Amino acid sequence: MAGFKDIKPRWQKGESGNPSGRPKGSKNRSTIARKWLETEIKSKHPISGEEITITLEDQITLSIIKKASKGDVSAYRALQDSGYGTAKETIDFKSDGAGINIEELMLAMRKSGIK
């Protein structure tokens, strides 16, 4: 059985594995999405109801705000993540000699399969 080092690539060093590649000047998906999100549209303001000219991105954001204001937890979470970043799960260990030995706790957790 050949080892990984024995496997020869199908192309030479300095040669591309995909010589055609993506055509020059073609746009990636994020560029196209930003273009359409920046498109201005005439629309009713989802909160006030007045006719306004607004970007599609702003329209979507205001619609999410409206849903969140009516109690939609998923919409609220999306707004929080967009505005403040996704919350990181943290554990704050504070021990003032209350009898918790963190090292022993971590060792016991590892032994029981908890990572």
N, C-alpha and C. Protein backbone atom coordinates (compact mmCIF):
# COMPACT_ATOMS: atom_id res chain seq x y z
N MET A 1 0.84 -1.18 0.00
CA MET A 1 0.00 0.00 0.00
C MET A 1 0.89 1.25 0.00
N ALA A 2 0.60 2.15 -0.87
CA ALA A 2 1.41 3.36 -1.01
C ALA A 2 1.07 4.36 0.10
N GLY A 3 2.09 5.04 0.60
CA GLY A 3 1.86 6.09 1.59
C GLY A 3 1.44 7.38 0.90
N PHE A 4 1.02 8.35 1.69
CA PHE A 4 0.54 9.62 1.15
C PHE A 4 1.63 10.30 0.32
N LYS A 5 2.89 10.20 0.77
CA LYS A 5 3.99 10.87 0.06
C LYS A 5 4.26 10.23 -1.29
N ASP A 6 3.85 8.96 -1.47
CA ASP A 6 4.09 8.26 -2.73
C ASP A 6 3.10 8.62 -3.82
N ILE A 7 2.01 9.29 -3.45
CA ILE A 7 0.98 9.65 -4.43
C ILE A 7 1.44 10.88 -5.20
N LYS A 8 1.47 10.77 -6.50
CA LYS A 8 1.91 11.89 -7.33
C LYS A 8 0.70 12.69 -7.80
N PRO A 9 0.79 14.02 -7.74
CA PRO A 9 -0.32 14.84 -8.22
C PRO A 9 -0.47 14.73 -9.74
N ARG A 10 -1.65 15.06 -10.22
CA ARG A 10 -1.91 14.98 -11.66
C ARG A 10 -1.34 16.18 -12.40
N TRP A 11 -0.83 17.16 -11.70
CA TRP A 11 -0.24 18.33 -12.35
C TRP A 11 1.10 18.64 -11.71
N GLN A 12 1.90 19.38 -12.40
CA GLN A 12 3.25 19.70 -11.94
C GLN A 12 3.22 20.89 -10.98
N LYS A 13 4.29 21.04 -10.22
CA LYS A 13 4.43 22.13 -9.28
C LYS A 13 4.33 23.45 -10.04
N GLY A 14 3.49 24.37 -9.53
CA GLY A 14 3.30 25.66 -10.19
C GLY A 14 2.21 25.65 -11.24
N GLU A 15 1.67 24.48 -11.53
CA GLU A 15 0.61 24.35 -12.52
C GLU A 15 -0.72 24.24 -11.78
N SER A 16 -1.74 24.90 -12.26
CA SER A 16 -3.04 24.90 -11.60
C SER A 16 -3.76 23.58 -11.82
N GLY A 17 -4.48 23.13 -10.77
CA GLY A 17 -5.32 21.95 -10.90
C GLY A 17 -6.61 22.25 -11.63
N ASN A 18 -6.91 23.54 -11.80
CA ASN A 18 -8.11 23.96 -12.52
C ASN A 18 -7.70 25.11 -13.44
N PRO A 19 -7.05 24.81 -14.55
CA PRO A 19 -6.51 25.87 -15.40
C PRO A 19 -7.57 26.81 -15.96
N SER A 20 -8.77 26.31 -16.21
CA SER A 20 -9.83 27.19 -16.72
C SER A 20 -10.30 28.12 -15.61
N GLY A 21 -10.53 27.57 -14.43
CA GLY A 21 -10.95 28.36 -13.29
C GLY A 21 -12.21 29.15 -13.54
N ARG A 22 -12.49 30.09 -12.66
CA ARG A 22 -13.63 30.96 -12.86
C ARG A 22 -13.26 32.00 -13.90
N PRO A 23 -14.15 32.31 -14.84
CA PRO A 23 -13.83 33.30 -15.87
C PRO A 23 -13.49 34.67 -15.27
N LYS A 24 -12.53 35.36 -15.87
CA LYS A 24 -12.16 36.70 -15.39
C LYS A 24 -13.37 37.62 -15.46
N GLY A 25 -13.52 38.43 -14.43
CA GLY A 25 -14.61 39.39 -14.40
C GLY A 25 -15.92 38.84 -13.87
N SER A 26 -16.01 37.52 -13.65
CA SER A 26 -17.25 36.97 -13.12
C SER A 26 -17.36 37.35 -11.64
N LYS A 27 -18.58 37.52 -11.18
CA LYS A 27 -18.81 37.98 -9.81
C LYS A 27 -19.17 36.81 -8.92
N ASN A 28 -18.73 36.89 -7.67
CA ASN A 28 -19.10 35.83 -6.73
C ASN A 28 -20.48 36.14 -6.13
N ARG A 29 -21.02 35.20 -5.43
CA ARG A 29 -22.38 35.30 -4.91
C ARG A 29 -22.56 36.49 -3.96
N SER A 30 -21.58 36.76 -3.11
CA SER A 30 -21.73 37.87 -2.16
C SER A 30 -21.78 39.22 -2.88
N THR A 31 -21.02 39.37 -3.96
CA THR A 31 -21.05 40.61 -4.74
C THR A 31 -22.42 40.82 -5.37
N ILE A 32 -22.98 39.75 -5.91
CA ILE A 32 -24.30 39.82 -6.54
C ILE A 32 -25.37 40.13 -5.48
N ALA A 33 -25.29 39.47 -4.33
CA ALA A 33 -26.27 39.71 -3.26
C ALA A 33 -26.22 41.16 -2.79
N ARG A 34 -25.00 41.70 -2.58
CA ARG A 34 -24.87 43.10 -2.15
C ARG A 34 -25.47 44.04 -3.17
N LYS A 35 -25.25 43.76 -4.46
CA LYS A 35 -25.81 44.60 -5.53
C LYS A 35 -27.33 44.68 -5.39
N TRP A 36 -27.99 43.53 -5.24
CA TRP A 36 -29.45 43.53 -5.17
C TRP A 36 -29.96 44.09 -3.85
N LEU A 37 -29.24 43.89 -2.76
CA LEU A 37 -29.67 44.46 -1.48
C LEU A 37 -29.57 45.99 -1.48
N GLU A 38 -28.68 46.54 -2.32
CA GLU A 38 -28.53 48.00 -2.41
C GLU A 38 -29.53 48.63 -3.37
N THR A 39 -30.34 47.83 -4.06
CA THR A 39 -31.34 48.33 -4.99
C THR A 39 -32.38 49.14 -4.25
N GLU A 40 -32.69 50.34 -4.77
CA GLU A 40 -33.72 51.17 -4.14
C GLU A 40 -35.09 50.83 -4.70
N ILE A 41 -36.06 50.77 -3.81
CA ILE A 41 -37.44 50.46 -4.19
C ILE A 41 -38.38 51.45 -3.53
N LYS A 42 -39.55 51.63 -4.11
CA LYS A 42 -40.60 52.42 -3.48
C LYS A 42 -41.46 51.43 -2.71
N SER A 43 -41.70 51.75 -1.47
CA SER A 43 -42.40 50.81 -0.62
C SER A 43 -43.09 51.53 0.52
N LYS A 44 -44.02 50.85 1.14
CA LYS A 44 -44.61 51.38 2.36
C LYS A 44 -43.68 51.05 3.50
N HIS A 45 -43.43 52.02 4.33
CA HIS A 45 -42.61 51.81 5.52
C HIS A 45 -43.34 50.77 6.37
N PRO A 46 -42.69 49.65 6.72
CA PRO A 46 -43.40 48.58 7.43
C PRO A 46 -43.86 48.96 8.83
N ILE A 47 -43.34 50.04 9.38
CA ILE A 47 -43.75 50.46 10.72
C ILE A 47 -44.73 51.63 10.66
N SER A 48 -44.37 52.69 9.90
CA SER A 48 -45.22 53.88 9.86
C SER A 48 -46.30 53.81 8.78
N GLY A 49 -46.07 53.01 7.73
CA GLY A 49 -47.05 52.88 6.65
C GLY A 49 -46.94 53.93 5.57
N GLU A 50 -46.05 54.93 5.72
CA GLU A 50 -45.92 55.97 4.70
C GLU A 50 -45.10 55.47 3.51
N GLU A 51 -45.32 56.07 2.33
CA GLU A 51 -44.61 55.70 1.10
C GLU A 51 -43.20 56.28 1.15
N ILE A 52 -42.20 55.45 0.95
CA ILE A 52 -40.80 55.89 1.01
C ILE A 52 -39.99 55.20 -0.08
N THR A 53 -38.80 55.77 -0.37
CA THR A 53 -37.81 55.13 -1.22
C THR A 53 -36.76 54.58 -0.27
N ILE A 54 -36.50 53.29 -0.39
CA ILE A 54 -35.66 52.61 0.59
C ILE A 54 -34.89 51.50 -0.11
N THR A 55 -33.73 51.13 0.41
CA THR A 55 -33.02 50.00 -0.18
C THR A 55 -33.72 48.71 0.23
N LEU A 56 -33.54 47.71 -0.57
CA LEU A 56 -34.14 46.40 -0.27
C LEU A 56 -33.61 45.88 1.07
N GLU A 57 -32.32 46.12 1.34
CA GLU A 57 -31.74 45.69 2.62
C GLU A 57 -32.43 46.37 3.80
N ASP A 58 -32.67 47.68 3.69
CA ASP A 58 -33.36 48.40 4.76
C ASP A 58 -34.80 47.89 4.91
N GLN A 59 -35.46 47.62 3.78
CA GLN A 59 -36.84 47.11 3.82
C GLN A 59 -36.89 45.78 4.59
N ILE A 60 -35.95 44.90 4.28
CA ILE A 60 -35.90 43.59 4.95
C ILE A 60 -35.63 43.78 6.44
N THR A 61 -34.68 44.65 6.77
CA THR A 61 -34.35 44.89 8.18
C THR A 61 -35.55 45.46 8.93
N LEU A 62 -36.26 46.43 8.33
CA LEU A 62 -37.43 46.99 9.00
C LEU A 62 -38.53 45.94 9.17
N SER A 63 -38.67 45.06 8.20
CA SER A 63 -39.66 43.99 8.32
C SER A 63 -39.32 43.05 9.47
N ILE A 64 -38.03 42.75 9.62
CA ILE A 64 -37.60 41.90 10.74
C ILE A 64 -37.85 42.62 12.07
N ILE A 65 -37.59 43.93 12.11
CA ILE A 65 -37.85 44.70 13.33
C ILE A 65 -39.33 44.66 13.68
N LYS A 66 -40.17 44.80 12.66
CA LYS A 66 -41.62 44.76 12.89
C LYS A 66 -42.03 43.40 13.47
N LYS A 67 -41.50 42.30 12.88
CA LYS A 67 -41.82 40.97 13.39
C LYS A 67 -41.33 40.80 14.83
N ALA A 68 -40.13 41.29 15.12
CA ALA A 68 -39.58 41.18 16.47
C ALA A 68 -40.42 41.96 17.47
N SER A 69 -40.93 43.13 17.04
CA SER A 69 -41.74 43.95 17.95
C SER A 69 -43.08 43.31 18.28
N LYS A 70 -43.48 42.32 17.45
CA LYS A 70 -44.73 41.61 17.71
C LYS A 70 -44.49 40.30 18.46
N GLY A 71 -43.25 40.10 18.92
CA GLY A 71 -42.96 38.93 19.74
C GLY A 71 -42.29 37.77 19.04
N ASP A 72 -41.86 37.94 17.78
CA ASP A 72 -41.19 36.86 17.06
C ASP A 72 -39.75 36.74 17.59
N VAL A 73 -39.51 35.69 18.37
CA VAL A 73 -38.21 35.51 19.02
C VAL A 73 -37.10 35.27 18.00
N SER A 74 -37.38 34.54 16.94
CA SER A 74 -36.36 34.29 15.91
C SER A 74 -35.95 35.60 15.24
N ALA A 75 -36.90 36.46 14.97
CA ALA A 75 -36.59 37.76 14.36
C ALA A 75 -35.75 38.60 15.32
N TYR A 76 -36.11 38.58 16.60
CA TYR A 76 -35.35 39.33 17.61
C TYR A 76 -33.92 38.81 17.69
N ARG A 77 -33.76 37.49 17.68
CA ARG A 77 -32.43 36.88 17.76
C ARG A 77 -31.60 37.28 16.53
N ALA A 78 -32.22 37.29 15.36
CA ALA A 78 -31.51 37.69 14.13
C ALA A 78 -31.03 39.14 14.24
N LEU A 79 -31.88 40.01 14.78
CA LEU A 79 -31.49 41.41 14.96
C LEU A 79 -30.34 41.54 15.96
N GLN A 80 -30.44 40.83 17.06
CA GLN A 80 -29.38 40.88 18.07
C GLN A 80 -28.05 40.39 17.49
N ASP A 81 -28.10 39.29 16.75
CA ASP A 81 -26.88 38.74 16.15
C ASP A 81 -26.29 39.72 15.14
N SER A 82 -27.16 40.38 14.36
CA SER A 82 -26.67 41.34 13.37
C SER A 82 -26.09 42.58 14.03
N GLY A 83 -26.77 43.07 15.05
CA GLY A 83 -26.35 44.31 15.69
C GLY A 83 -25.19 44.16 16.66
N TYR A 84 -25.13 43.03 17.35
CA TYR A 84 -24.15 42.87 18.42
C TYR A 84 -23.25 41.66 18.25
N GLY A 85 -23.45 40.88 17.20
CA GLY A 85 -22.66 39.67 17.01
C GLY A 85 -23.31 38.51 17.74
N THR A 86 -22.98 37.31 17.32
CA THR A 86 -23.54 36.12 17.93
C THR A 86 -22.98 35.96 19.33
N ALA A 87 -23.86 35.70 20.28
CA ALA A 87 -23.43 35.53 21.67
C ALA A 87 -22.57 34.29 21.80
N LYS A 88 -21.48 34.42 22.55
CA LYS A 88 -20.62 33.28 22.81
C LYS A 88 -21.04 32.69 24.15
N GLU A 89 -21.08 31.37 24.18
CA GLU A 89 -21.45 30.70 25.42
C GLU A 89 -20.25 30.75 26.36
N THR A 90 -20.45 31.30 27.53
CA THR A 90 -19.36 31.39 28.49
C THR A 90 -19.85 30.89 29.85
N ILE A 91 -18.90 30.44 30.62
CA ILE A 91 -19.19 30.03 31.98
C ILE A 91 -18.27 30.83 32.87
N ASP A 92 -18.83 31.50 33.83
CA ASP A 92 -18.06 32.32 34.74
C ASP A 92 -17.89 31.55 36.04
N PHE A 93 -16.66 31.04 36.27
CA PHE A 93 -16.38 30.32 37.50
C PHE A 93 -15.81 31.31 38.51
N LYS A 94 -16.50 31.46 39.62
CA LYS A 94 -15.98 32.28 40.70
C LYS A 94 -16.02 31.42 41.95
N SER A 95 -14.88 31.20 42.52
CA SER A 95 -14.81 30.38 43.72
C SER A 95 -14.05 31.16 44.78
N ASP A 96 -14.69 31.36 45.89
CA ASP A 96 -14.04 32.04 47.00
C ASP A 96 -13.83 31.05 48.15
N GLY A 97 -13.39 29.84 47.77
CA GLY A 97 -13.16 28.82 48.79
C GLY A 97 -14.44 28.12 49.19
N ALA A 98 -15.43 28.11 48.33
CA ALA A 98 -16.72 27.50 48.66
C ALA A 98 -16.70 25.98 48.52
N GLY A 99 -15.52 25.41 48.34
CA GLY A 99 -15.42 23.96 48.30
C GLY A 99 -15.40 23.37 46.89
N ILE A 100 -15.32 24.20 45.84
CA ILE A 100 -15.27 23.69 44.47
C ILE A 100 -13.83 23.74 44.01
N ASN A 101 -13.29 22.59 43.63
CA ASN A 101 -11.96 22.51 43.08
C ASN A 101 -12.12 22.30 41.57
N ILE A 102 -11.84 23.33 40.80
CA ILE A 102 -12.07 23.31 39.35
C ILE A 102 -11.26 22.19 38.69
N GLU A 103 -10.00 22.01 39.11
CA GLU A 103 -9.16 20.98 38.51
C GLU A 103 -9.78 19.59 38.73
N GLU A 104 -10.25 19.32 39.94
CA GLU A 104 -10.88 18.03 40.23
C GLU A 104 -12.18 17.87 39.42
N LEU A 105 -12.94 18.93 39.31
CA LEU A 105 -14.18 18.89 38.54
C LEU A 105 -13.88 18.58 37.07
N MET A 106 -12.89 19.25 36.50
CA MET A 106 -12.53 19.03 35.10
C MET A 106 -12.02 17.59 34.88
N LEU A 107 -11.21 17.08 35.82
CA LEU A 107 -10.71 15.71 35.72
C LEU A 107 -11.86 14.71 35.77
N ALA A 108 -12.80 14.92 36.68
CA ALA A 108 -13.96 14.03 36.80
C ALA A 108 -14.81 14.08 35.52
N MET A 109 -14.96 15.26 34.95
CA MET A 109 -15.73 15.40 33.71
C MET A 109 -15.05 14.65 32.57
N ARG A 110 -13.72 14.77 32.46
CA ARG A 110 -12.99 14.06 31.41
C ARG A 110 -13.12 12.55 31.57
N LYS A 111 -13.02 12.06 32.80
CA LYS A 111 -13.13 10.63 33.07
C LYS A 111 -14.51 10.10 32.70
N SER A 112 -15.54 10.93 32.88
CA SER A 112 -16.89 10.49 32.55
C SER A 112 -17.25 10.73 31.08
N GLY A 113 -16.31 11.27 30.31
CA GLY A 113 -16.55 11.45 28.88
C GLY A 113 -17.10 12.81 28.52
N ILE A 114 -17.25 13.71 29.46
CA ILE A 114 -17.75 15.07 29.18
C ILE A 114 -16.57 15.93 28.78
N LYS A 115 -16.72 16.60 27.64
CA LYS A 115 -15.63 17.47 27.17
C LYS A 115 -15.96 18.91 27.38
